[in-house]
């Protein structure tokens, strides 16, 4: 009988795998991504890059210092209104903050995000000077 370690949410357990010749490798498990942790990390990174304190941002956002601290540490799930207020205080568009969160989650999930629009897609939706479809962007 062969036993193989299996990690689930950071806990290692041993699973019976049958005979040695029938052992097959399992798919690589991805770490579970918690949205509030990623949001908190991005907010803290933005604030620290600006050289601002929690106190300054909490005052500008009209949020208690303790609550903002818990949001940044991923302990509290912030409402959309609260996120908007914090982003306004940081002078960062909410959409930009959420895009950064999305990019971090994609990396954690192993999803590759192209940084350019594929040529076949641009050609499909490209328009020439007269506003008609058809002329590829590469030839403009």
N, C-alpha and C. Protein backbone atom coordinates (compact mmCIF):
# COMPACT_ATOMS: atom_id res chain seq x y z
N UNK A 1 0.84 -1.17 0.00
CA UNK A 1 0.00 0.00 0.00
C UNK A 1 0.89 1.24 0.00
N UNK A 2 0.58 2.22 -0.86
CA UNK A 2 1.35 3.45 -0.97
C UNK A 2 0.52 4.60 -0.42
N UNK A 3 1.16 5.43 0.40
CA UNK A 3 0.49 6.63 0.91
C UNK A 3 1.19 7.84 0.31
N UNK A 4 0.38 8.85 -0.01
CA UNK A 4 0.91 10.06 -0.62
C UNK A 4 0.39 11.27 0.15
N UNK A 5 1.29 12.28 0.40
CA UNK A 5 0.82 13.47 1.11
C UNK A 5 -0.07 14.32 0.20
N UNK A 6 -1.17 14.79 0.74
CA UNK A 6 -2.09 15.66 0.02
C UNK A 6 -2.34 16.87 0.90
N UNK A 7 -2.13 18.08 0.33
CA UNK A 7 -2.31 19.31 1.10
C UNK A 7 -3.65 19.93 0.72
N UNK A 8 -4.47 20.17 1.73
CA UNK A 8 -5.76 20.83 1.53
C UNK A 8 -5.83 22.00 2.49
N UNK A 9 -5.90 23.21 1.94
CA UNK A 9 -5.96 24.43 2.76
C UNK A 9 -4.83 24.49 3.78
N UNK A 10 -3.64 24.09 3.37
CA UNK A 10 -2.48 24.18 4.23
C UNK A 10 -2.31 23.03 5.20
N UNK A 11 -3.24 22.06 5.22
CA UNK A 11 -3.15 20.92 6.12
C UNK A 11 -2.73 19.70 5.31
N UNK A 12 -1.65 19.04 5.74
CA UNK A 12 -1.15 17.86 5.04
C UNK A 12 -1.84 16.63 5.60
N UNK A 13 -2.40 15.85 4.70
CA UNK A 13 -3.02 14.59 5.07
C UNK A 13 -2.42 13.50 4.19
N UNK A 14 -2.43 12.28 4.67
CA UNK A 14 -1.88 11.17 3.90
C UNK A 14 -3.04 10.37 3.33
N UNK A 15 -2.99 10.12 2.04
CA UNK A 15 -4.06 9.40 1.35
C UNK A 15 -3.51 8.07 0.83
N UNK A 16 -4.28 7.01 1.03
CA UNK A 16 -3.91 5.71 0.47
C UNK A 16 -4.09 5.77 -1.03
N UNK A 17 -3.04 5.39 -1.76
CA UNK A 17 -3.08 5.49 -3.22
C UNK A 17 -3.12 4.12 -3.89
N UNK A 18 -3.20 3.05 -3.12
CA UNK A 18 -3.24 1.73 -3.73
C UNK A 18 -1.83 1.18 -3.90
N UNK A 19 -1.64 0.36 -4.94
CA UNK A 19 -0.34 -0.25 -5.21
C UNK A 19 0.63 0.77 -5.78
N UNK A 20 1.91 0.51 -5.63
CA UNK A 20 2.95 1.44 -6.08
C UNK A 20 2.89 1.69 -7.58
N UNK A 21 2.51 0.71 -8.37
CA UNK A 21 2.51 0.88 -9.82
C UNK A 21 1.28 1.65 -10.32
N UNK A 22 0.26 1.86 -9.47
CA UNK A 22 -0.94 2.56 -9.91
C UNK A 22 -1.02 4.00 -9.42
N UNK A 23 0.05 4.50 -8.80
CA UNK A 23 0.04 5.87 -8.28
C UNK A 23 0.13 6.86 -9.44
N UNK A 24 -0.81 7.79 -9.47
CA UNK A 24 -0.80 8.82 -10.50
C UNK A 24 -0.68 10.18 -9.81
N UNK A 25 0.13 11.07 -10.37
CA UNK A 25 0.26 12.38 -9.75
C UNK A 25 -1.05 13.16 -9.82
N UNK A 26 -1.37 13.86 -8.74
CA UNK A 26 -2.58 14.68 -8.73
C UNK A 26 -2.30 16.03 -9.36
N UNK A 27 -3.37 16.69 -9.76
CA UNK A 27 -3.23 18.04 -10.28
C UNK A 27 -2.67 18.95 -9.20
N UNK A 28 -1.89 19.94 -9.61
CA UNK A 28 -1.36 20.90 -8.66
C UNK A 28 -2.50 21.74 -8.11
N UNK A 29 -2.57 21.82 -6.78
CA UNK A 29 -3.62 22.61 -6.16
C UNK A 29 -3.20 24.07 -6.07
N UNK A 30 -4.14 24.96 -6.34
CA UNK A 30 -3.88 26.39 -6.21
C UNK A 30 -4.32 26.86 -4.84
N UNK A 31 -3.57 27.80 -4.30
CA UNK A 31 -3.93 28.39 -3.02
C UNK A 31 -5.23 29.15 -3.18
N UNK A 32 -6.13 28.98 -2.22
CA UNK A 32 -7.41 29.68 -2.28
C UNK A 32 -7.17 31.18 -2.11
N UNK A 33 -7.74 31.96 -3.00
CA UNK A 33 -7.60 33.40 -2.96
C UNK A 33 -8.79 33.99 -2.21
N UNK A 34 -8.51 34.83 -1.23
CA UNK A 34 -9.56 35.50 -0.48
C UNK A 34 -9.60 36.95 -0.96
N UNK A 35 -10.72 37.35 -1.50
CA UNK A 35 -10.86 38.67 -2.11
C UNK A 35 -10.53 39.79 -1.14
N UNK A 36 -11.00 39.70 0.09
CA UNK A 36 -10.75 40.79 1.05
C UNK A 36 -9.27 40.94 1.36
N UNK A 37 -8.50 39.84 1.30
CA UNK A 37 -7.06 39.93 1.52
C UNK A 37 -6.39 40.70 0.38
N UNK A 38 -6.78 40.39 -0.85
CA UNK A 38 -6.19 41.06 -2.01
C UNK A 38 -6.56 42.55 -2.02
N UNK A 39 -7.81 42.86 -1.72
CA UNK A 39 -8.24 44.27 -1.67
C UNK A 39 -7.44 45.01 -0.61
N UNK A 40 -7.31 44.42 0.56
CA UNK A 40 -6.55 45.05 1.64
C UNK A 40 -5.09 45.27 1.26
N UNK A 41 -4.48 44.28 0.62
CA UNK A 41 -3.08 44.42 0.20
C UNK A 41 -2.91 45.56 -0.79
N UNK A 42 -3.83 45.67 -1.75
CA UNK A 42 -3.73 46.73 -2.75
C UNK A 42 -3.91 48.10 -2.09
N UNK A 43 -4.91 48.22 -1.22
CA UNK A 43 -5.13 49.50 -0.54
C UNK A 43 -3.92 49.91 0.29
N UNK A 44 -3.33 48.94 1.02
CA UNK A 44 -2.16 49.25 1.83
C UNK A 44 -0.98 49.65 0.94
N UNK A 45 -0.78 48.94 -0.18
CA UNK A 45 0.32 49.28 -1.09
C UNK A 45 0.18 50.69 -1.63
N UNK A 46 -1.04 51.06 -2.03
CA UNK A 46 -1.28 52.41 -2.56
C UNK A 46 -0.99 53.45 -1.49
N UNK A 47 -1.51 53.23 -0.30
CA UNK A 47 -1.31 54.19 0.80
C UNK A 47 0.17 54.34 1.14
N UNK A 48 0.87 53.23 1.22
CA UNK A 48 2.29 53.29 1.58
C UNK A 48 3.13 53.93 0.47
N UNK A 49 2.78 53.68 -0.79
CA UNK A 49 3.50 54.32 -1.89
C UNK A 49 3.33 55.84 -1.84
N UNK A 50 2.18 56.28 -1.33
CA UNK A 50 1.93 57.72 -1.20
C UNK A 50 2.58 58.30 0.06
N UNK A 51 3.11 57.44 0.91
CA UNK A 51 3.74 57.90 2.15
C UNK A 51 2.75 58.43 3.15
N UNK A 52 1.52 57.92 3.12
CA UNK A 52 0.47 58.40 4.02
C UNK A 52 0.24 57.41 5.14
N UNK A 53 -0.26 57.93 6.25
CA UNK A 53 -0.54 57.09 7.41
C UNK A 53 -2.00 56.62 7.37
N UNK A 54 -2.27 55.58 8.16
CA UNK A 54 -3.65 55.12 8.30
C UNK A 54 -4.54 56.24 8.83
N UNK A 55 -3.99 57.00 9.76
CA UNK A 55 -4.76 58.09 10.37
C UNK A 55 -5.18 59.11 9.32
N UNK A 56 -4.26 59.51 8.44
CA UNK A 56 -4.57 60.50 7.40
C UNK A 56 -5.67 59.99 6.47
N UNK A 57 -5.52 58.76 6.02
CA UNK A 57 -6.50 58.20 5.07
C UNK A 57 -7.84 57.97 5.76
N UNK A 58 -7.83 57.48 6.98
CA UNK A 58 -9.10 57.23 7.68
C UNK A 58 -9.85 58.54 7.90
N UNK A 59 -9.13 59.62 8.20
CA UNK A 59 -9.76 60.92 8.39
C UNK A 59 -10.37 61.42 7.07
N UNK A 60 -9.61 61.32 5.98
CA UNK A 60 -10.10 61.77 4.67
C UNK A 60 -11.29 60.94 4.19
N UNK A 61 -11.24 59.63 4.46
CA UNK A 61 -12.31 58.73 4.01
C UNK A 61 -13.50 58.71 4.96
N UNK A 62 -13.36 59.36 6.13
CA UNK A 62 -14.39 59.36 7.16
C UNK A 62 -14.74 57.94 7.61
N UNK A 63 -13.66 57.19 7.87
CA UNK A 63 -13.76 55.81 8.34
C UNK A 63 -12.90 55.71 9.59
N UNK A 64 -13.33 54.93 10.55
CA UNK A 64 -12.52 54.82 11.77
C UNK A 64 -11.18 54.18 11.43
N UNK A 65 -10.17 54.61 12.16
CA UNK A 65 -8.81 54.12 11.95
C UNK A 65 -8.75 52.60 12.14
N UNK A 66 -9.42 52.10 13.17
CA UNK A 66 -9.42 50.66 13.43
C UNK A 66 -10.06 49.87 12.31
N UNK A 67 -11.17 50.40 11.78
CA UNK A 67 -11.86 49.68 10.71
C UNK A 67 -11.01 49.67 9.45
N UNK A 68 -10.40 50.80 9.10
CA UNK A 68 -9.53 50.85 7.93
C UNK A 68 -8.36 49.89 8.08
N UNK A 69 -7.81 49.81 9.27
CA UNK A 69 -6.73 48.88 9.54
C UNK A 69 -7.17 47.44 9.30
N UNK A 70 -8.38 47.11 9.77
CA UNK A 70 -8.90 45.75 9.58
C UNK A 70 -9.16 45.46 8.10
N UNK A 71 -9.60 46.45 7.34
CA UNK A 71 -9.82 46.27 5.90
C UNK A 71 -8.48 45.98 5.23
N UNK A 72 -7.46 46.77 5.58
CA UNK A 72 -6.14 46.58 4.97
C UNK A 72 -5.54 45.22 5.32
N UNK A 73 -5.83 44.72 6.49
CA UNK A 73 -5.30 43.40 6.90
C UNK A 73 -6.17 42.26 6.40
N UNK A 74 -7.26 42.58 5.70
CA UNK A 74 -8.12 41.54 5.15
C UNK A 74 -9.01 40.89 6.18
N UNK A 75 -9.23 41.55 7.31
CA UNK A 75 -10.07 40.98 8.36
C UNK A 75 -11.53 41.40 8.23
N UNK A 76 -11.78 42.49 7.52
CA UNK A 76 -13.15 42.97 7.31
C UNK A 76 -13.43 43.04 5.82
N UNK A 77 -14.66 42.70 5.47
CA UNK A 77 -15.14 42.76 4.08
C UNK A 77 -15.75 44.15 3.89
N UNK A 78 -15.09 45.00 3.12
CA UNK A 78 -15.54 46.37 2.94
C UNK A 78 -16.68 46.45 1.92
N UNK A 79 -17.66 47.30 2.19
CA UNK A 79 -18.76 47.52 1.25
C UNK A 79 -18.25 48.34 0.07
N UNK A 80 -19.03 48.35 -1.00
CA UNK A 80 -18.64 49.13 -2.18
C UNK A 80 -18.59 50.62 -1.84
N UNK A 81 -19.48 51.09 -0.98
CA UNK A 81 -19.47 52.49 -0.57
C UNK A 81 -18.20 52.83 0.19
N UNK A 82 -17.81 51.94 1.09
CA UNK A 82 -16.59 52.16 1.87
C UNK A 82 -15.36 52.14 0.96
N UNK A 83 -15.30 51.17 0.05
CA UNK A 83 -14.17 51.11 -0.89
C UNK A 83 -14.09 52.38 -1.72
N UNK A 84 -15.23 52.87 -2.16
CA UNK A 84 -15.26 54.10 -2.94
C UNK A 84 -14.74 55.28 -2.12
N UNK A 85 -15.13 55.36 -0.87
CA UNK A 85 -14.68 56.43 0.01
C UNK A 85 -13.17 56.35 0.25
N UNK A 86 -12.66 55.15 0.46
CA UNK A 86 -11.22 54.98 0.67
C UNK A 86 -10.44 55.33 -0.59
N UNK A 87 -10.92 54.89 -1.73
CA UNK A 87 -10.25 55.21 -3.00
C UNK A 87 -10.27 56.71 -3.27
N UNK A 88 -11.36 57.37 -2.94
CA UNK A 88 -11.44 58.83 -3.11
C UNK A 88 -10.41 59.49 -2.21
N UNK A 89 -10.29 59.03 -0.98
CA UNK A 89 -9.30 59.59 -0.05
C UNK A 89 -7.88 59.36 -0.55
N UNK A 90 -7.66 58.23 -1.21
CA UNK A 90 -6.33 57.92 -1.76
C UNK A 90 -6.11 58.55 -3.14
N UNK A 91 -7.16 59.19 -3.67
CA UNK A 91 -7.12 59.81 -4.99
C UNK A 91 -6.75 58.79 -6.08
N UNK A 92 -7.37 57.61 -5.96
CA UNK A 92 -7.18 56.52 -6.92
C UNK A 92 -8.57 56.09 -7.38
N UNK A 93 -8.79 55.98 -8.69
CA UNK A 93 -10.11 55.50 -9.15
C UNK A 93 -10.39 54.09 -8.62
N UNK A 94 -11.62 53.87 -8.21
CA UNK A 94 -12.04 52.55 -7.74
C UNK A 94 -11.76 51.49 -8.79
N UNK A 95 -12.00 51.83 -10.05
CA UNK A 95 -11.78 50.87 -11.14
C UNK A 95 -10.32 50.44 -11.23
N UNK A 96 -9.41 51.38 -11.00
CA UNK A 96 -7.98 51.06 -11.05
C UNK A 96 -7.58 50.14 -9.90
N UNK A 97 -8.12 50.41 -8.72
CA UNK A 97 -7.83 49.56 -7.58
C UNK A 97 -8.36 48.15 -7.82
N UNK A 98 -9.59 48.06 -8.34
CA UNK A 98 -10.18 46.74 -8.60
C UNK A 98 -9.45 46.00 -9.72
N UNK A 99 -8.93 46.74 -10.68
CA UNK A 99 -8.14 46.10 -11.76
C UNK A 99 -6.87 45.48 -11.18
N UNK A 100 -6.22 46.21 -10.27
CA UNK A 100 -5.02 45.68 -9.63
C UNK A 100 -5.35 44.42 -8.83
N UNK A 101 -6.47 44.44 -8.12
CA UNK A 101 -6.92 43.27 -7.37
C UNK A 101 -7.17 42.11 -8.34
N UNK A 102 -7.83 42.38 -9.44
CA UNK A 102 -8.12 41.36 -10.44
C UNK A 102 -6.84 40.76 -11.01
N UNK A 103 -5.86 41.60 -11.30
CA UNK A 103 -4.59 41.10 -11.83
C UNK A 103 -3.89 40.21 -10.82
N UNK A 104 -3.92 40.57 -9.54
CA UNK A 104 -3.29 39.76 -8.51
C UNK A 104 -3.98 38.40 -8.37
N UNK A 105 -5.31 38.41 -8.45
CA UNK A 105 -6.05 37.15 -8.35
C UNK A 105 -5.75 36.27 -9.55
N UNK A 106 -5.69 36.86 -10.73
CA UNK A 106 -5.37 36.10 -11.94
C UNK A 106 -4.00 35.44 -11.81
N UNK A 107 -3.03 36.17 -11.30
CA UNK A 107 -1.69 35.59 -11.11
C UNK A 107 -1.74 34.43 -10.13
N UNK A 108 -2.48 34.59 -9.05
CA UNK A 108 -2.60 33.52 -8.05
C UNK A 108 -3.28 32.29 -8.63
N UNK A 109 -4.20 32.50 -9.56
CA UNK A 109 -4.91 31.39 -10.20
C UNK A 109 -4.14 30.81 -11.37
N UNK A 110 -3.04 31.46 -11.75
CA UNK A 110 -2.25 30.97 -12.87
C UNK A 110 -2.83 31.35 -14.22
N UNK A 111 -3.70 32.35 -14.25
CA UNK A 111 -4.31 32.80 -15.50
C UNK A 111 -3.38 33.81 -16.15
N UNK A 112 -3.13 33.63 -17.44
CA UNK A 112 -2.27 34.55 -18.16
C UNK A 112 -3.14 35.64 -18.77
N UNK A 113 -2.82 36.89 -18.45
CA UNK A 113 -3.58 38.02 -18.97
C UNK A 113 -2.71 38.71 -20.01
N UNK A 114 -3.15 38.73 -21.28
CA UNK A 114 -2.34 39.41 -22.29
C UNK A 114 -2.34 40.91 -22.04
N UNK A 115 -1.19 41.54 -22.28
CA UNK A 115 -1.13 42.99 -22.08
C UNK A 115 -1.43 43.75 -23.36
N UNK A 116 -1.75 43.04 -24.42
CA UNK A 116 -2.13 43.66 -25.69
C UNK A 116 -3.36 42.95 -26.23
N UNK A 117 -4.04 43.60 -27.14
CA UNK A 117 -5.20 43.00 -27.78
C UNK A 117 -4.68 42.12 -28.93
N UNK A 118 -5.13 40.86 -29.01
CA UNK A 118 -4.67 39.98 -30.08
C UNK A 118 -4.97 40.58 -31.46
N UNK A 119 -4.05 40.38 -32.41
CA UNK A 119 -4.17 40.96 -33.74
C UNK A 119 -5.45 40.52 -34.45
N UNK A 120 -5.83 39.23 -34.34
CA UNK A 120 -7.04 38.78 -35.02
C UNK A 120 -8.29 39.48 -34.47
N UNK A 121 -8.29 39.82 -33.19
CA UNK A 121 -9.42 40.54 -32.61
C UNK A 121 -9.44 41.99 -33.08
N UNK A 122 -8.28 42.62 -33.14
CA UNK A 122 -8.24 44.00 -33.60
C UNK A 122 -8.64 44.10 -35.06
N UNK A 123 -8.24 43.12 -35.86
CA UNK A 123 -8.62 43.13 -37.28
C UNK A 123 -10.12 42.94 -37.46
N UNK A 124 -10.71 42.13 -36.60
CA UNK A 124 -12.14 41.87 -36.70
C UNK A 124 -12.97 43.12 -36.42
N UNK A 125 -12.51 43.94 -35.47
CA UNK A 125 -13.28 45.10 -35.06
C UNK A 125 -12.71 46.43 -35.53
N UNK A 126 -11.68 46.38 -36.34
CA UNK A 126 -11.04 47.61 -36.82
C UNK A 126 -11.96 48.33 -37.81
N UNK A 127 -11.84 49.64 -37.82
CA UNK A 127 -12.61 50.45 -38.75
C UNK A 127 -11.66 51.34 -39.53
N UNK A 128 -12.01 51.58 -40.78
CA UNK A 128 -11.17 52.48 -41.56
C UNK A 128 -11.62 53.93 -41.31
N UNK A 129 -11.04 54.87 -42.00
CA UNK A 129 -11.29 56.29 -41.77
C UNK A 129 -12.76 56.66 -41.97
N UNK A 130 -13.44 56.02 -42.91
CA UNK A 130 -14.84 56.32 -43.19
C UNK A 130 -15.80 55.69 -42.18
N UNK A 131 -15.28 54.88 -41.23
CA UNK A 131 -16.15 54.26 -40.24
C UNK A 131 -16.70 52.93 -40.70
N UNK A 132 -16.18 52.39 -41.79
CA UNK A 132 -16.64 51.09 -42.27
C UNK A 132 -15.68 50.01 -41.77
N UNK A 133 -16.23 48.83 -41.54
CA UNK A 133 -15.37 47.71 -41.12
C UNK A 133 -14.54 47.24 -42.30
N UNK A 134 -13.45 46.58 -41.97
CA UNK A 134 -12.72 45.90 -43.02
C UNK A 134 -11.25 46.17 -43.07
N UNK A 135 -10.77 47.35 -42.91
CA UNK A 135 -9.36 47.65 -43.08
C UNK A 135 -8.60 47.26 -41.81
N UNK A 136 -7.67 46.31 -41.89
CA UNK A 136 -6.93 45.91 -40.70
C UNK A 136 -6.11 47.06 -40.13
N UNK A 137 -5.99 47.10 -38.81
CA UNK A 137 -5.23 48.15 -38.15
C UNK A 137 -3.76 48.09 -38.53
N UNK A 138 -3.25 46.90 -38.78
CA UNK A 138 -1.84 46.75 -39.12
C UNK A 138 -1.49 47.49 -40.41
N UNK A 139 -2.48 47.67 -41.28
CA UNK A 139 -2.19 48.33 -42.55
C UNK A 139 -2.51 49.82 -42.53
N UNK A 140 -3.02 50.32 -41.39
CA UNK A 140 -3.36 51.74 -41.32
C UNK A 140 -2.13 52.57 -41.09
